[in-house]
Amino acid sequence: MMIRLCIPLGVAALLLSGCASPDPSPASSVLPPLQEYGDEFRGRLGAELQGLQDGGATKQFVRDCIATRDAIRASADALGR
């Protein structure tokens, strides 16, 4: 008997939670801080990447990290940070 009561209440709670909307203000947006790297470090990184084979996992990982950092910067710029 208790299960018959709990299931409809659980479904109703889930449906009602969909009505809540997030706060659209920039203050509610959380962007991670980006570590800044100097020219010397970037030069060493580039030299190390040159020694790796094309199509390797490390180069793909670095490309993905660059894309993520670019997206974070674009979001921060859009929020006026």
PDB file of N, CA and C in Angstrom:
ATOM      1  N   MET A   1       0.820  -1.193   0.000  1.00  0.00           N
ATOM      2  CA  MET A   1       0.000   0.000   0.000  1.00  0.00           C
ATOM      3  C   MET A   1       0.865   1.258   0.000  1.00  0.00           C
ATOM      4  N   MET A   2       1.934   1.235   0.800  1.00  0.00           N
ATOM      5  CA  MET A   2       2.811   2.401   0.911  1.00  0.00           C
ATOM      6  C   MET A   2       3.514   2.668  -0.425  1.00  0.00           C
ATOM      7  N   ILE A   3       3.872   1.600  -1.155  1.00  0.00           N
ATOM      8  CA  ILE A   3       4.555   1.778  -2.440  1.00  0.00           C
ATOM      9  C   ILE A   3       3.636   2.455  -3.442  1.00  0.00           C
ATOM     10  N   ARG A   4       2.376   2.126  -3.428  1.00  0.00           N
ATOM     11  CA  ARG A   4       1.413   2.746  -4.335  1.00  0.00           C
ATOM     12  C   ARG A   4       1.301   4.245  -4.090  1.00  0.00           C
ATOM     13  N   LEU A   5       1.509   4.678  -2.881  1.00  0.00           N
ATOM     14  CA  LEU A   5       1.457   6.097  -2.544  1.00  0.00           C
ATOM     15  C   LEU A   5       2.772   6.796  -2.884  1.00  0.00           C
ATOM     16  N   CYS A   6       3.881   6.108  -2.671  1.00  0.00           N
ATOM     17  CA  CYS A   6       5.201   6.709  -2.880  1.00  0.00           C
ATOM     18  C   CYS A   6       5.514   6.943  -4.355  1.00  0.00           C
ATOM     19  N   ILE A   7       5.135   6.043  -5.204  1.00  0.00           N
ATOM     20  CA  ILE A   7       5.463   6.171  -6.629  1.00  0.00           C
ATOM     21  C   ILE A   7       4.834   7.425  -7.237  1.00  0.00           C
ATOM     22  N   PRO A   8       3.524   7.667  -7.075  1.00  0.00           N
ATOM     23  CA  PRO A   8       2.959   8.898  -7.648  1.00  0.00           C
ATOM     24  C   PRO A   8       3.557  10.167  -7.036  1.00  0.00           C
ATOM     25  N   LEU A   9       3.859  10.134  -5.749  1.00  0.00           N
ATOM     26  CA  LEU A   9       4.460  11.305  -5.113  1.00  0.00           C
ATOM     27  C   LEU A   9       5.872  11.552  -5.660  1.00  0.00           C
ATOM     28  N   GLY A  10       6.621  10.483  -5.882  1.00  0.00           N
ATOM     29  CA  GLY A  10       7.960  10.616  -6.449  1.00  0.00           C
ATOM     30  C   GLY A  10       7.922  11.168  -7.866  1.00  0.00           C
ATOM     31  N   VAL A  11       6.988  10.681  -8.663  1.00  0.00           N
ATOM     32  CA  VAL A  11       6.832  11.173 -10.031  1.00  0.00           C
ATOM     33  C   VAL A  11       6.423  12.643 -10.022  1.00  0.00           C
ATOM     34  N   ALA A  12       5.524  13.010  -9.156  1.00  0.00           N
ATOM     35  CA  ALA A  12       5.090  14.410  -9.062  1.00  0.00           C
ATOM     36  C   ALA A  12       6.256  15.308  -8.658  1.00  0.00           C
ATOM     37  N   ALA A  13       7.064  14.853  -7.715  1.00  0.00           N
ATOM     38  CA  ALA A  13       8.218  15.644  -7.282  1.00  0.00           C
ATOM     39  C   ALA A  13       9.199  15.846  -8.433  1.00  0.00           C
ATOM     40  N   LEU A  14       9.437  14.807  -9.207  1.00  0.00           N
ATOM     41  CA  LEU A  14      10.347  14.922 -10.357  1.00  0.00           C
ATOM     42  C   LEU A  14       9.797  15.892 -11.399  1.00  0.00           C
ATOM     43  N   LEU A  15       8.507  15.802 -11.673  1.00  0.00           N
ATOM     44  CA  LEU A  15       7.914  16.691 -12.665  1.00  0.00           C
ATOM     45  C   LEU A  15       7.947  18.144 -12.214  1.00  0.00           C
ATOM     46  N   LEU A  16       7.696  18.374 -10.950  1.00  0.00           N
ATOM     47  CA  LEU A  16       7.713  19.737 -10.430  1.00  0.00           C
ATOM     48  C   LEU A  16       9.127  20.318 -10.376  1.00  0.00           C
ATOM     49  N   SER A  17      10.117  19.482 -10.174  1.00  0.00           N
ATOM     50  CA  SER A  17      11.484  19.987 -10.134  1.00  0.00           C
ATOM     51  C   SER A  17      11.919  20.500 -11.507  1.00  0.00           C
ATOM     52  N   GLY A  18      11.284  20.034 -12.559  1.00  0.00           N
ATOM     53  CA  GLY A  18      11.570  20.537 -13.902  1.00  0.00           C
ATOM     54  C   GLY A  18      11.078  21.947 -14.123  1.00  0.00           C
ATOM     55  N   CYS A  19      10.195  22.424 -13.255  1.00  0.00           N
ATOM     56  CA  CYS A  19       9.679  23.789 -13.373  1.00  0.00           C
ATOM     57  C   CYS A  19      10.647  24.827 -12.829  1.00  0.00           C
ATOM     58  N   ALA A  20      11.597  24.409 -12.022  1.00  0.00           N
ATOM     59  CA  ALA A  20      12.563  25.347 -11.450  1.00  0.00           C
ATOM     60  C   ALA A  20      13.526  25.791 -12.545  1.00  0.00           C
ATOM     61  N   SER A  21      13.799  27.082 -12.592  1.00  0.00           N
ATOM     62  CA  SER A  21      14.735  27.576 -13.611  1.00  0.00           C
ATOM     63  C   SER A  21      15.985  28.098 -12.924  1.00  0.00           C
ATOM     64  N   PRO A  22      17.147  27.892 -13.553  1.00  0.00           N
ATOM     65  CA  PRO A  22      18.386  28.371 -12.960  1.00  0.00           C
ATOM     66  C   PRO A  22      18.475  29.891 -13.017  1.00  0.00           C
ATOM     67  N   ASP A  23      19.251  30.457 -12.133  1.00  0.00           N
ATOM     68  CA  ASP A  23      19.480  31.896 -12.102  1.00  0.00           C
ATOM     69  C   ASP A  23      20.351  32.268 -13.305  1.00  0.00           C
ATOM     70  N   PRO A  24      19.841  33.092 -14.223  1.00  0.00           N
ATOM     71  CA  PRO A  24      20.614  33.400 -15.432  1.00  0.00           C
ATOM     72  C   PRO A  24      21.668  34.489 -15.237  1.00  0.00           C
ATOM     73  N   SER A  25      21.811  35.012 -14.039  1.00  0.00           N
ATOM     74  CA  SER A  25      22.756  36.103 -13.836  1.00  0.00           C
ATOM     75  C   SER A  25      24.192  35.602 -13.931  1.00  0.00           C
ATOM     76  N   PRO A  26      25.107  36.464 -14.379  1.00  0.00           N
ATOM     77  CA  PRO A  26      26.512  36.061 -14.485  1.00  0.00           C
ATOM     78  C   PRO A  26      27.099  35.612 -13.152  1.00  0.00           C
ATOM     79  N   ALA A  27      26.579  36.111 -12.056  1.00  0.00           N
ATOM     80  CA  ALA A  27      27.110  35.707 -10.759  1.00  0.00           C
ATOM     81  C   ALA A  27      26.902  34.223 -10.502  1.00  0.00           C
ATOM     82  N   SER A  28      25.904  33.626 -11.156  1.00  0.00           N
ATOM     83  CA  SER A  28      25.660  32.206 -10.943  1.00  0.00           C
ATOM     84  C   SER A  28      26.564  31.333 -11.804  1.00  0.00           C
ATOM     85  N   SER A  29      27.285  31.936 -12.731  1.00  0.00           N
ATOM     86  CA  SER A  29      28.190  31.176 -13.591  1.00  0.00           C
ATOM     87  C   SER A  29      29.536  31.005 -12.903  1.00  0.00           C
ATOM     88  N   VAL A  30      30.031  29.806 -12.941  1.00  0.00           N
ATOM     89  CA  VAL A  30      31.315  29.522 -12.315  1.00  0.00           C
ATOM     90  C   VAL A  30      32.279  29.079 -13.401  1.00  0.00           C
ATOM     91  N   LEU A  31      33.344  29.844 -13.549  1.00  0.00           N
ATOM     92  CA  LEU A  31      34.385  29.498 -14.509  1.00  0.00           C
ATOM     93  C   LEU A  31      35.680  29.254 -13.745  1.00  0.00           C
ATOM     94  N   PRO A  32      36.372  28.184 -14.083  1.00  0.00           N
ATOM     95  CA  PRO A  32      37.627  27.927 -13.380  1.00  0.00           C
ATOM     96  C   PRO A  32      38.691  28.940 -13.790  1.00  0.00           C
ATOM     97  N   PRO A  33      39.585  29.277 -12.872  1.00  0.00           N
ATOM     98  CA  PRO A  33      40.684  30.170 -13.251  1.00  0.00           C
ATOM     99  C   PRO A  33      41.656  29.430 -14.166  1.00  0.00           C
ATOM    100  N   LEU A  34      42.248  30.151 -15.082  1.00  0.00           N
ATOM    101  CA  LEU A  34      43.216  29.544 -15.998  1.00  0.00           C
ATOM    102  C   LEU A  34      44.625  29.880 -15.568  1.00  0.00           C
ATOM    103  N   GLN A  35      45.465  28.874 -15.542  1.00  0.00           N
ATOM    104  CA  GLN A  35      46.884  29.077 -15.271  1.00  0.00           C
ATOM    105  C   GLN A  35      47.497  29.742 -16.497  1.00  0.00           C
ATOM    106  N   GLU A  36      48.222  30.817 -16.287  1.00  0.00           N
ATOM    107  CA  GLU A  36      48.903  31.482 -17.390  1.00  0.00           C
ATOM    108  C   GLU A  36      50.317  30.924 -17.511  1.00  0.00           C
ATOM    109  N   TYR A  37      50.744  30.669 -18.722  1.00  0.00           N
ATOM    110  CA  TYR A  37      52.074  30.126 -18.981  1.00  0.00           C
ATOM    111  C   TYR A  37      52.882  31.138 -19.776  1.00  0.00           C
ATOM    112  N   GLY A  38      54.131  31.307 -19.396  1.00  0.00           N
ATOM    113  CA  GLY A  38      55.007  32.260 -20.061  1.00  0.00           C
ATOM    114  C   GLY A  38      55.551  31.729 -21.383  1.00  0.00           C
ATOM    115  N   ASP A  39      56.239  32.611 -22.111  1.00  0.00           N
ATOM    116  CA  ASP A  39      56.801  32.258 -23.415  1.00  0.00           C
ATOM    117  C   ASP A  39      57.806  31.115 -23.310  1.00  0.00           C
ATOM    118  N   GLU A  40      58.615  31.130 -22.258  1.00  0.00           N
ATOM    119  CA  GLU A  40      59.644  30.094 -22.109  1.00  0.00           C
ATOM    120  C   GLU A  40      58.996  28.720 -21.941  1.00  0.00           C
ATOM    121  N   PHE A  41      57.961  28.648 -21.115  1.00  0.00           N
ATOM    122  CA  PHE A  41      57.270  27.376 -20.903  1.00  0.00           C
ATOM    123  C   PHE A  41      56.598  26.908 -22.186  1.00  0.00           C
ATOM    124  N   ARG A  42      55.912  27.825 -22.862  1.00  0.00           N
ATOM    125  CA  ARG A  42      55.225  27.452 -24.111  1.00  0.00           C
ATOM    126  C   ARG A  42      56.219  26.996 -25.169  1.00  0.00           C
ATOM    127  N   GLY A  43      57.397  27.599 -25.181  1.00  0.00           N
ATOM    128  CA  GLY A  43      58.436  27.159 -26.117  1.00  0.00           C
ATOM    129  C   GLY A  43      58.899  25.745 -25.820  1.00  0.00           C
ATOM    130  N   ARG A  44      59.100  25.443 -24.537  1.00  0.00           N
ATOM    131  CA  ARG A  44      59.504  24.077 -24.151  1.00  0.00           C
ATOM    132  C   ARG A  44      58.409  23.074 -24.501  1.00  0.00           C
ATOM    133  N   LEU A  45      57.156  23.457 -24.256  1.00  0.00           N
ATOM    134  CA  LEU A  45      56.032  22.567 -24.570  1.00  0.00           C
ATOM    135  C   LEU A  45      55.976  22.284 -26.067  1.00  0.00           C
ATOM    136  N   GLY A  46      56.132  23.343 -26.871  1.00  0.00           N
ATOM    137  CA  GLY A  46      56.116  23.152 -28.324  1.00  0.00           C
ATOM    138  C   GLY A  46      57.219  22.226 -28.787  1.00  0.00           C
ATOM    139  N   ALA A  47      58.417  22.371 -28.211  1.00  0.00           N
ATOM    140  CA  ALA A  47      59.535  21.503 -28.581  1.00  0.00           C
ATOM    141  C   ALA A  47      59.255  20.051 -28.209  1.00  0.00           C
ATOM    142  N   GLU A  48      58.658  19.847 -27.051  1.00  0.00           N
ATOM    143  CA  GLU A  48      58.329  18.486 -26.631  1.00  0.00           C
ATOM    144  C   GLU A  48      57.268  17.878 -27.537  1.00  0.00           C
ATOM    145  N   LEU A  49      56.272  18.685 -27.932  1.00  0.00           N
ATOM    146  CA  LEU A  49      55.206  18.171 -28.794  1.00  0.00           C
ATOM    147  C   LEU A  49      55.726  17.835 -30.184  1.00  0.00           C
ATOM    148  N   GLN A  50      56.731  18.569 -30.651  1.00  0.00           N
ATOM    149  CA  GLN A  50      57.307  18.282 -31.969  1.00  0.00           C
ATOM    150  C   GLN A  50      57.892  16.880 -32.017  1.00  0.00           C
ATOM    151  N   GLY A  51      58.401  16.396 -30.883  1.00  0.00           N
ATOM    152  CA  GLY A  51      59.009  15.070 -30.838  1.00  0.00           C
ATOM    153  C   GLY A  51      58.013  13.933 -30.769  1.00  0.00           C
ATOM    154  N   LEU A  52      56.744  14.225 -30.625  1.00  0.00           N
ATOM    155  CA  LEU A  52      55.735  13.170 -30.526  1.00  0.00           C
ATOM    156  C   LEU A  52      55.159  12.849 -31.894  1.00  0.00           C
ATOM    157  N   GLN A  53      54.705  11.616 -32.041  1.00  0.00           N
ATOM    158  CA  GLN A  53      54.148  11.208 -33.333  1.00  0.00           C
ATOM    159  C   GLN A  53      52.793  11.858 -33.565  1.00  0.00           C
ATOM    160  N   ASP A  54      52.501  12.140 -34.824  1.00  0.00           N
ATOM    161  CA  ASP A  54      51.197  12.695 -35.184  1.00  0.00           C
ATOM    162  C   ASP A  54      50.118  11.645 -34.949  1.00  0.00           C
ATOM    163  N   GLY A  55      48.963  12.104 -34.509  1.00  0.00           N
ATOM    164  CA  GLY A  55      47.850  11.188 -34.255  1.00  0.00           C
ATOM    165  C   GLY A  55      47.935  10.494 -32.913  1.00  0.00           C
ATOM    166  N   GLY A  56      48.938  10.843 -32.115  1.00  0.00           N
ATOM    167  CA  GLY A  56      49.088  10.208 -30.811  1.00  0.00           C
ATOM    168  C   GLY A  56      48.120  10.785 -29.789  1.00  0.00           C
ATOM    169  N   ALA A  57      47.979  10.058 -28.707  1.00  0.00           N
ATOM    170  CA  ALA A  57      47.039  10.459 -27.661  1.00  0.00           C
ATOM    171  C   ALA A  57      47.472  11.752 -26.977  1.00  0.00           C
ATOM    172  N   THR A  58      48.768  11.945 -26.775  1.00  0.00           N
ATOM    173  CA  THR A  58      49.232  13.142 -26.071  1.00  0.00           C
ATOM    174  C   THR A  58      48.920  14.393 -26.868  1.00  0.00           C
ATOM    175  N   LYS A  59      49.177  14.350 -28.169  1.00  0.00           N
ATOM    176  CA  LYS A  59      48.870  15.523 -29.000  1.00  0.00           C
ATOM    177  C   LYS A  59      47.369  15.797 -29.028  1.00  0.00           C
ATOM    178  N   GLN A  60      46.553  14.761 -29.078  1.00  0.00           N
ATOM    179  CA  GLN A  60      45.103  14.950 -29.066  1.00  0.00           C
ATOM    180  C   GLN A  60      44.659  15.547 -27.737  1.00  0.00           C
ATOM    181  N   PHE A  61      45.238  15.061 -26.644  1.00  0.00           N
ATOM    182  CA  PHE A  61      44.895  15.582 -25.326  1.00  0.00           C
ATOM    183  C   PHE A  61      45.242  17.065 -25.225  1.00  0.00           C
ATOM    184  N   VAL A  62      46.406  17.452 -25.717  1.00  0.00           N
ATOM    185  CA  VAL A  62      46.814  18.861 -25.667  1.00  0.00           C
ATOM    186  C   VAL A  62      45.881  19.709 -26.534  1.00  0.00           C
ATOM    187  N   ARG A  63      45.504  19.216 -27.706  1.00  0.00           N
ATOM    188  CA  ARG A  63      44.557  19.956 -28.560  1.00  0.00           C
ATOM    189  C   ARG A  63      43.226  20.150 -27.837  1.00  0.00           C
ATOM    190  N   ASP A  64      42.755  19.112 -27.155  1.00  0.00           N
ATOM    191  CA  ASP A  64      41.498  19.219 -26.405  1.00  0.00           C
ATOM    192  C   ASP A  64      41.621  20.236 -25.265  1.00  0.00           C
ATOM    193  N   CYS A  65      42.767  20.232 -24.593  1.00  0.00           N
ATOM    194  CA  CYS A  65      42.988  21.206 -23.510  1.00  0.00           C
ATOM    195  C   CYS A  65      42.989  22.635 -24.051  1.00  0.00           C
ATOM    196  N   ILE A  66      43.608  22.832 -25.188  1.00  0.00           N
ATOM    197  CA  ILE A  66      43.636  24.162 -25.808  1.00  0.00           C
ATOM    198  C   ILE A  66      42.221  24.610 -26.153  1.00  0.00           C
ATOM    199  N   ALA A  67      41.433  23.702 -26.717  1.00  0.00           N
ATOM    200  CA  ALA A  67      40.051  24.042 -27.069  1.00  0.00           C
ATOM    201  C   ALA A  67      39.235  24.385 -25.823  1.00  0.00           C
ATOM    202  N   THR A  68      39.441  23.639 -24.749  1.00  0.00           N
ATOM    203  CA  THR A  68      38.730  23.911 -23.503  1.00  0.00           C
ATOM    204  C   THR A  68      39.127  25.265 -22.934  1.00  0.00           C
ATOM    205  N   ARG A  69      40.415  25.569 -22.941  1.00  0.00           N
ATOM    206  CA  ARG A  69      40.895  26.858 -22.434  1.00  0.00           C
ATOM    207  C   ARG A  69      40.341  28.006 -23.276  1.00  0.00           C
ATOM    208  N   ASP A  70      40.283  27.813 -24.598  1.00  0.00           N
ATOM    209  CA  ASP A  70      39.713  28.845 -25.471  1.00  0.00           C
ATOM    210  C   ASP A  70      38.232  29.076 -25.163  1.00  0.00           C
ATOM    211  N   ALA A  71      37.499  27.992 -24.904  1.00  0.00           N
ATOM    212  CA  ALA A  71      36.069  28.112 -24.574  1.00  0.00           C
ATOM    213  C   ALA A  71      35.875  28.829 -23.241  1.00  0.00           C
ATOM    214  N   ILE A  72      36.734  28.548 -22.262  1.00  0.00           N
ATOM    215  CA  ILE A  72      36.635  29.229 -20.967  1.00  0.00           C
ATOM    216  C   ILE A  72      36.923  30.715 -21.137  1.00  0.00           C
ATOM    217  N   ARG A  73      37.945  31.051 -21.921  1.00  0.00           N
ATOM    218  CA  ARG A  73      38.258  32.461 -22.163  1.00  0.00           C
ATOM    219  C   ARG A  73      37.089  33.175 -22.853  1.00  0.00           C
ATOM    220  N   ALA A  74      36.484  32.518 -23.845  1.00  0.00           N
ATOM    221  CA  ALA A  74      35.355  33.124 -24.561  1.00  0.00           C
ATOM    222  C   ALA A  74      34.174  33.336 -23.614  1.00  0.00           C
ATOM    223  N   SER A  75      33.921  32.378 -22.735  1.00  0.00           N
ATOM    224  CA  SER A  75      32.831  32.527 -21.776  1.00  0.00           C
ATOM    225  C   SER A  75      33.110  33.655 -20.799  1.00  0.00           C
ATOM    226  N   ALA A  76      34.354  33.749 -20.343  1.00  0.00           N
ATOM    227  CA  ALA A  76      34.722  34.827 -19.422  1.00  0.00           C
ATOM    228  C   ALA A  76      34.572  36.192 -20.103  1.00  0.00           C
ATOM    229  N   ASP A  77      34.979  36.283 -21.365  1.00  0.00           N
ATOM    230  CA  ASP A  77      34.820  37.533 -22.104  1.00  0.00           C
ATOM    231  C   ASP A  77      33.352  37.898 -22.270  1.00  0.00           C
ATOM    232  N   ALA A  78      32.509  36.893 -22.553  1.00  0.00           N
ATOM    233  CA  ALA A  78      31.083  37.151 -22.732  1.00  0.00           C
ATOM    234  C   ALA A  78      30.434  37.630 -21.427  1.00  0.00           C
ATOM    235  N   LEU A  79      30.981  37.181 -20.292  1.00  0.00           N
ATOM    236  CA  LEU A  79      30.443  37.597 -18.997  1.00  0.00           C
ATOM    237  C   LEU A  79      31.064  38.906 -18.517  1.00  0.00           C
ATOM    238  N   GLY A  80      32.011  39.418 -19.286  1.00  0.00           N
ATOM    239  CA  GLY A  80      32.641  40.691 -18.916  1.00  0.00           C
ATOM    240  C   GLY A  80      33.664  40.562 -17.814  1.00  0.00           C
ATOM    241  N   ARG A  81      34.294  39.422 -17.728  1.00  0.00           N
ATOM    242  CA  ARG A  81      35.306  39.216 -16.683  1.00  0.00           C
ATOM    243  C   ARG A  81      36.682  39.531 -17.204  1.00  0.00           C
TER     244      ARG A  81
END
